[in-house]
Protein backbone atom coordinates (compact mmCIF):
# COMPACT_ATOMS: atom_id res chain seq x y z
CA MET A 1 110.36 82.96 85.78
CA ARG A 2 107.89 82.97 89.01
CA TYR A 3 110.20 81.18 90.94
CA PHE A 4 112.54 83.87 90.42
CA ILE A 5 110.47 86.62 89.92
CA LYS A 6 107.36 87.14 92.33
CA ASP A 7 105.91 90.29 90.46
CA GLU A 8 106.39 90.22 86.79
CA TYR A 9 103.70 92.55 86.27
CA SER A 10 104.08 95.45 88.63
CA GLY A 11 104.49 97.87 85.24
CA TRP A 12 101.15 96.75 84.23
CA GLN A 13 99.63 97.03 88.32
CA LYS A 14 100.42 100.59 88.45
CA SER A 15 98.83 101.12 84.51
CA ALA A 16 95.66 99.32 86.00
CA GLU A 17 95.64 101.58 88.74
CA LYS A 18 96.08 104.62 86.87
CA LYS A 19 93.25 103.92 84.66
CA LEU A 20 90.66 102.73 87.53
CA GLU A 21 91.32 106.45 88.59
CA GLU A 22 90.78 107.68 85.30
CA ILE A 23 87.73 105.69 84.57
CA HIS A 24 86.41 106.07 88.14
CA SER A 25 86.73 110.02 88.07
CA LYS A 26 84.65 110.31 84.58
CA ASP A 27 82.04 107.64 86.12
CA ALA A 28 81.59 106.30 89.53
CA ILE A 29 82.76 103.05 89.72
CA ASP A 30 80.51 100.75 92.22
CA VAL A 31 82.17 97.51 91.71
CA VAL A 32 85.60 96.05 90.88
CA ILE A 33 86.11 92.39 90.02
CA SER A 34 90.04 91.07 91.02
CA SER A 35 91.09 87.54 89.59
CA PHE A 36 94.16 85.89 89.90
CA PHE A 37 96.82 85.03 88.06
CA PRO A 38 98.63 87.47 88.35
CA ALA A 39 98.18 88.42 91.70
CA ALA A 40 99.01 92.15 90.73
CA SER A 41 95.46 92.19 89.94
CA HIS A 42 94.05 92.12 93.49
CA VAL A 43 97.42 94.45 94.37
CA ALA A 44 96.28 97.45 91.80
CA SER A 45 92.21 96.88 93.12
CA TYR A 46 93.63 96.84 96.65
CA ASP A 47 95.48 100.37 96.21
CA PHE A 48 92.34 101.35 94.27
CA LEU A 49 90.10 100.58 96.78
CA LYS A 50 91.71 101.44 99.94
CA ASN A 51 90.53 104.57 100.49
CA LYS A 52 86.85 104.30 99.38
CA PRO A 53 84.51 101.89 101.02
CA GLU A 54 81.53 102.60 98.71
CA ILE A 55 83.22 100.37 96.54
CA PHE A 56 82.39 96.99 96.29
CA TRP A 57 85.07 94.26 95.92
CA VAL A 58 84.70 90.92 94.41
CA ALA A 59 88.31 89.23 95.19
CA ASP A 60 88.54 85.96 93.47
CA MET A 61 91.05 83.80 94.73
CA ARG A 62 90.00 80.42 93.94
CA ASP A 63 92.49 79.38 92.21
CA GLU A 64 96.54 78.53 93.68
CA MET A 65 97.91 81.69 94.98
CA SER A 66 100.10 80.78 98.31
CA PHE A 67 99.27 77.02 98.75
CA ASN A 68 101.71 75.79 95.37
CA LEU A 69 104.29 73.94 96.21
CA LEU A 70 106.09 75.60 93.24
CA ASN A 71 106.64 78.80 94.51
CA ALA A 72 109.79 79.67 95.87
CA SER A 73 109.65 81.13 99.56
CA SER A 74 109.57 85.01 98.15
CA VAL A 75 106.80 84.42 95.76
CA LYS A 76 104.62 82.51 98.49
CA SER A 77 105.47 85.46 101.22
CA TYR A 78 104.06 88.07 98.08
CA TYR A 79 100.78 85.41 97.61
CA LEU A 80 100.38 85.76 101.59
CA LYS A 81 100.17 89.24 102.00
CA ALA A 82 98.05 89.79 98.87
CA GLU A 83 95.60 87.03 100.05
CA GLY A 84 95.66 88.98 103.28
CA MET A 85 94.38 92.27 101.93
CA ASP A 86 91.53 93.88 103.81
CA ARG A 87 90.55 97.49 103.44
CA SER A 88 88.87 97.72 106.70
CA LYS A 89 92.28 97.36 108.33
CA GLY A 90 93.82 100.43 106.87
């Protein structure tokens, strides 16, 4: 499945972003922890946090993402982009 579809969790990602905003509006979030698999957890966290430098982000990327030899090139490109997300660069 992952060979053909790079982001099978895009719907979940958008829901997670909305939920983070909802929770944060009621009770301020101090720390967000995201972990791979799926990469959508990192993307949702990044999208939520990109304008919130006061919130600490722990991104667990110890599992294979872009280095997995079984990934299609489009999947590898997507994972490389997710691995390079840096809130300090805008």
